């Protein structure tokens, strides 16, 4: 029997919980595909309604607007990634090895997970790379922050920051380095494929090169600030 992963989401993100109905799951599933295919700017609830055979009003019963939907799927990803970090580092005692594992989880292209049946994790990972920062680079970021919309991202950064401090308890910038690792992993992956002149990885297009770069950046910083 397959085990389905359940992630508890902030109830302020939705008007009706999409996980509780087949239509809600279709909204999540097909919105991922449309955002991946066309980009967030070109994505509309009308296009989504046409694809899944419902009305725009039906989608608005679940989400106030498309930006709230984007925050929902990005927040879901951060919670899922925190779960993956916990699972993949569970039996690793050495904090250096643990941090290297986290870096590879951030860099490596995600494969779809059967435990998340209505979410295509591989597509969602690509959306995080190209669209994820649009959740908080807005005029309403402070208001959204008060509603704790970014808590899953903060929780993941806290986990990574704790691993960084385990490598060097005297390191002064664990939170800043944690967010830098995450964002740099995504930026370098995007640049490698789309703007290769901005990286040293355009020629070989190898994710392992990005991982080695991040390891060099991270551990050089940790050691210098001991």
Protein backbone atom coordinates (compact mmCIF):
# COMPACT_ATOMS: atom_id res chain seq x y z
CA UNK A 1 0.00 0.00 0.00
CA UNK A 2 1.35 3.43 -0.98
CA UNK A 3 1.86 5.95 1.82
CA UNK A 4 0.59 9.42 1.02
CA UNK A 5 2.42 12.41 2.53
CA UNK A 6 0.16 14.95 4.21
CA UNK A 7 1.48 18.48 4.75
CA UNK A 8 -0.49 20.84 6.97
CA UNK A 9 -0.88 24.19 5.25
CA UNK A 10 -1.59 27.66 6.63
CA UNK A 11 -5.37 27.99 6.44
CA UNK A 12 -5.12 31.69 5.60
CA UNK A 13 -3.66 30.75 2.21
CA UNK A 14 -6.91 29.31 0.91
CA UNK A 15 -10.65 29.87 1.12
CA UNK A 16 -11.39 26.15 0.80
CA UNK A 17 -8.82 23.44 1.44
CA UNK A 18 -7.84 22.06 -2.01
CA UNK A 19 -6.61 18.79 -0.50
CA UNK A 20 -10.12 17.79 0.57
CA UNK A 21 -11.78 17.58 -2.86
CA UNK A 22 -10.98 16.17 -6.27
CA UNK A 23 -11.50 19.59 -7.85
CA UNK A 24 -9.10 21.15 -5.35
CA UNK A 25 -6.43 18.57 -6.17
CA UNK A 26 -6.95 19.20 -9.88
CA UNK A 27 -6.49 22.93 -9.28
CA UNK A 28 -3.10 22.29 -7.68
CA UNK A 29 -2.01 19.65 -10.18
CA UNK A 30 -2.93 21.55 -13.33
CA UNK A 31 -1.84 24.96 -12.06
CA UNK A 32 1.66 23.52 -11.65
CA UNK A 33 1.66 22.33 -15.25
CA UNK A 34 0.35 25.64 -16.60
CA UNK A 35 2.77 27.78 -14.58
CA UNK A 36 5.62 25.53 -15.68
CA UNK A 37 4.56 25.71 -19.34
CA UNK A 38 3.72 29.41 -19.65
CA UNK A 39 5.21 31.19 -16.63
CA UNK A 40 3.38 32.79 -13.72
CA UNK A 41 2.68 36.08 -15.51
CA UNK A 42 0.81 34.35 -18.34
CA UNK A 43 -1.02 31.96 -15.99
CA UNK A 44 -4.67 32.82 -15.31
CA UNK A 45 -7.57 31.21 -13.54
CA UNK A 46 -9.47 31.30 -16.85
CA UNK A 47 -6.83 29.12 -18.51
CA UNK A 48 -6.84 26.82 -15.51
CA UNK A 49 -10.65 26.55 -15.55
CA UNK A 50 -10.63 25.65 -19.25
CA UNK A 51 -8.09 22.88 -18.70
CA UNK A 52 -9.82 21.21 -15.78
CA UNK A 53 -13.37 21.72 -17.05
CA UNK A 54 -14.72 24.06 -14.39
CA UNK A 55 -15.47 27.78 -14.06
CA UNK A 56 -13.28 30.64 -12.85
CA UNK A 57 -15.78 31.09 -10.02
CA UNK A 58 -15.15 27.50 -9.00
CA UNK A 59 -11.43 28.18 -8.64
CA UNK A 60 -12.04 31.43 -6.77
CA UNK A 61 -13.89 29.39 -4.14
CA UNK A 62 -10.51 27.88 -3.26
CA UNK A 63 -8.07 30.76 -3.75
CA UNK A 64 -8.51 34.51 -3.49
CA UNK A 65 -6.17 35.15 -6.43
CA UNK A 66 -3.36 33.54 -8.40
CA UNK A 67 -0.63 35.04 -6.21
CA UNK A 68 -2.17 33.39 -3.14
CA UNK A 69 -2.16 30.12 -5.08
CA UNK A 70 1.54 30.61 -5.92
CA UNK A 71 2.37 31.21 -2.25
CA UNK A 72 0.46 28.04 -1.40
CA UNK A 73 2.40 25.79 -3.78
CA UNK A 74 5.76 27.37 -2.90
CA UNK A 75 5.05 27.03 0.84
CA UNK A 76 4.06 23.40 0.23
CA UNK A 77 7.42 22.83 -1.48
CA UNK A 78 9.42 24.25 1.43
CA UNK A 79 7.59 22.01 3.90
CA UNK A 80 8.13 19.01 1.63
CA UNK A 81 11.82 19.87 1.28
CA UNK A 82 12.20 20.16 5.05
CA UNK A 83 10.70 16.66 5.29
CA UNK A 84 13.21 15.40 2.70
CA UNK A 85 16.11 16.97 4.57
CA UNK A 86 14.99 15.24 7.77
CA UNK A 87 14.64 11.85 6.05
CA UNK A 88 17.91 12.03 4.12
CA UNK A 89 20.00 13.21 7.07
CA UNK A 90 18.37 11.05 9.74
CA UNK A 91 21.25 8.57 10.05
CA UNK A 92 24.09 11.00 9.36
CA UNK A 93 25.99 11.94 12.52
CA UNK A 94 28.75 14.09 10.98
CA UNK A 95 27.40 17.66 10.55
CA UNK A 96 29.76 18.31 7.62
CA UNK A 97 28.42 15.26 5.77
CA UNK A 98 24.91 16.35 6.72
CA UNK A 99 25.42 19.82 5.28
CA UNK A 100 26.86 18.37 2.08
CA UNK A 101 23.74 16.19 1.77
CA UNK A 102 21.53 19.26 2.15
CA UNK A 103 23.44 21.06 -0.59
CA UNK A 104 22.89 18.15 -2.96
CA UNK A 105 19.20 18.01 -2.12
CA UNK A 106 18.97 21.68 -3.08
CA UNK A 107 20.95 21.34 -6.30
CA UNK A 108 19.83 18.00 -7.72
CA UNK A 109 16.86 17.92 -10.09
CA UNK A 110 13.87 16.52 -8.22
CA UNK A 111 12.11 13.36 -9.36
CA UNK A 112 8.37 13.02 -8.83
CA UNK A 113 7.50 11.43 -5.48
CA UNK A 114 4.69 8.83 -5.47
CA UNK A 115 3.86 9.85 -1.89
CA UNK A 116 2.56 13.19 -3.21
CA UNK A 117 0.03 11.87 -5.72
CA UNK A 118 -1.57 15.14 -6.87
CA UNK A 119 1.66 17.22 -6.81
CA UNK A 120 4.28 16.73 -9.50
CA UNK A 121 7.37 17.45 -7.41
CA UNK A 122 9.69 17.56 -10.42
CA UNK A 123 7.67 20.33 -12.05
CA UNK A 124 7.22 22.12 -8.73
CA UNK A 125 10.99 22.19 -8.22
CA UNK A 126 11.44 23.93 -11.57
CA UNK A 127 8.74 26.44 -10.61
CA UNK A 128 10.57 27.17 -7.36
CA UNK A 129 13.71 27.96 -9.35
CA UNK A 130 11.98 30.30 -11.82
CA UNK A 131 9.05 31.72 -9.84
CA UNK A 132 9.68 31.13 -6.13
CA UNK A 133 11.03 34.60 -5.29
CA UNK A 134 7.86 36.19 -6.68
CA UNK A 135 6.02 35.08 -3.55
CA UNK A 136 7.84 37.62 -1.37
CA UNK A 137 9.19 40.25 -3.80
CA UNK A 138 5.94 42.20 -3.55
CA UNK A 139 4.59 45.32 -1.88
CA UNK A 140 2.46 43.12 0.40
CA UNK A 141 5.37 41.09 1.78
CA UNK A 142 5.11 42.56 5.30
CA UNK A 143 1.38 41.91 5.44
CA UNK A 144 1.85 38.36 4.14
CA UNK A 145 4.65 37.82 6.64
CA UNK A 146 2.35 38.77 9.52
CA UNK A 147 0.04 35.99 8.33
CA UNK A 148 3.03 33.62 8.52
CA UNK A 149 2.88 32.71 4.83
CA UNK A 150 6.66 32.31 4.72
CA UNK A 151 6.96 30.18 7.86
CA UNK A 152 7.79 26.97 5.92
CA UNK A 153 10.73 28.75 4.26
CA UNK A 154 11.88 30.12 7.61
CA UNK A 155 11.56 26.68 9.20
CA UNK A 156 13.72 25.12 6.48
CA UNK A 157 16.34 27.86 6.87
CA UNK A 158 16.34 27.29 10.64
CA UNK A 159 17.01 23.59 10.10
CA UNK A 160 19.90 24.34 7.76
CA UNK A 161 21.20 27.03 10.12
CA UNK A 162 21.26 24.50 12.95
CA UNK A 163 23.36 22.14 10.82
CA UNK A 164 25.73 25.02 9.99
CA UNK A 165 26.18 25.77 13.69
CA UNK A 166 26.84 22.09 14.34
CA UNK A 167 29.75 22.39 11.88
CA UNK A 168 31.04 25.48 13.66
CA UNK A 169 29.26 26.67 16.85
CA UNK A 170 31.09 30.00 16.65
CA UNK A 171 29.94 30.88 13.13
CA UNK A 172 28.23 34.27 13.20
CA UNK A 173 25.86 34.09 10.23
CA UNK A 174 23.99 30.75 10.15
CA UNK A 175 20.64 32.21 8.98
CA UNK A 176 22.22 34.35 6.27
CA UNK A 177 24.30 31.45 5.02
CA UNK A 178 21.28 29.13 5.04
CA UNK A 179 19.25 31.48 2.83
CA UNK A 180 22.30 32.06 0.63
CA UNK A 181 22.70 28.31 0.04
CA UNK A 182 19.07 27.94 -0.99
CA UNK A 183 18.88 30.99 -3.22
CA UNK A 184 22.32 30.44 -4.77
CA UNK A 185 21.44 26.84 -5.62
CA UNK A 186 18.39 28.05 -7.52
CA UNK A 187 20.03 31.06 -9.17
CA UNK A 188 22.99 29.04 -10.40
CA UNK A 189 20.72 26.30 -11.75
CA UNK A 190 18.66 28.93 -13.60
CA UNK A 191 21.72 30.74 -14.94
CA UNK A 192 23.37 27.48 -16.00
CA UNK A 193 20.45 26.66 -18.29
CA UNK A 194 19.30 30.11 -19.37
CA UNK A 195 22.14 32.64 -18.90
CA UNK A 196 25.28 30.48 -18.95
CA UNK A 197 27.63 33.47 -19.32
CA UNK A 198 26.76 34.34 -15.71
CA UNK A 199 28.15 31.05 -14.40
CA UNK A 200 31.13 28.76 -14.76
CA UNK A 201 28.81 25.81 -15.38
CA UNK A 202 27.28 26.60 -18.77
CA UNK A 203 29.60 24.38 -20.79
CA UNK A 204 29.03 21.06 -19.04
CA UNK A 205 25.55 21.74 -17.60
CA UNK A 206 26.38 19.54 -14.62
CA UNK A 207 24.54 19.99 -11.32
CA UNK A 208 27.45 18.37 -9.49
CA UNK A 209 29.60 21.38 -10.44
CA UNK A 210 27.10 23.67 -8.71
CA UNK A 211 27.17 21.46 -5.63
CA UNK A 212 30.97 21.59 -5.49
CA UNK A 213 30.89 25.38 -5.90
CA UNK A 214 28.42 25.73 -3.02
CA UNK A 215 30.49 23.42 -0.84
CA UNK A 216 33.56 25.56 -1.52
CA UNK A 217 31.62 28.75 -0.75
CA UNK A 218 29.95 27.41 2.39
CA UNK A 219 32.84 25.65 4.08
CA UNK A 220 35.31 28.42 3.25
CA UNK A 221 32.96 30.84 4.98
CA UNK A 222 32.41 28.59 8.00
CA UNK A 223 36.11 27.96 8.49
CA UNK A 224 37.10 31.64 8.16
CA UNK A 225 34.55 32.71 10.75
CA UNK A 226 35.51 30.17 13.38
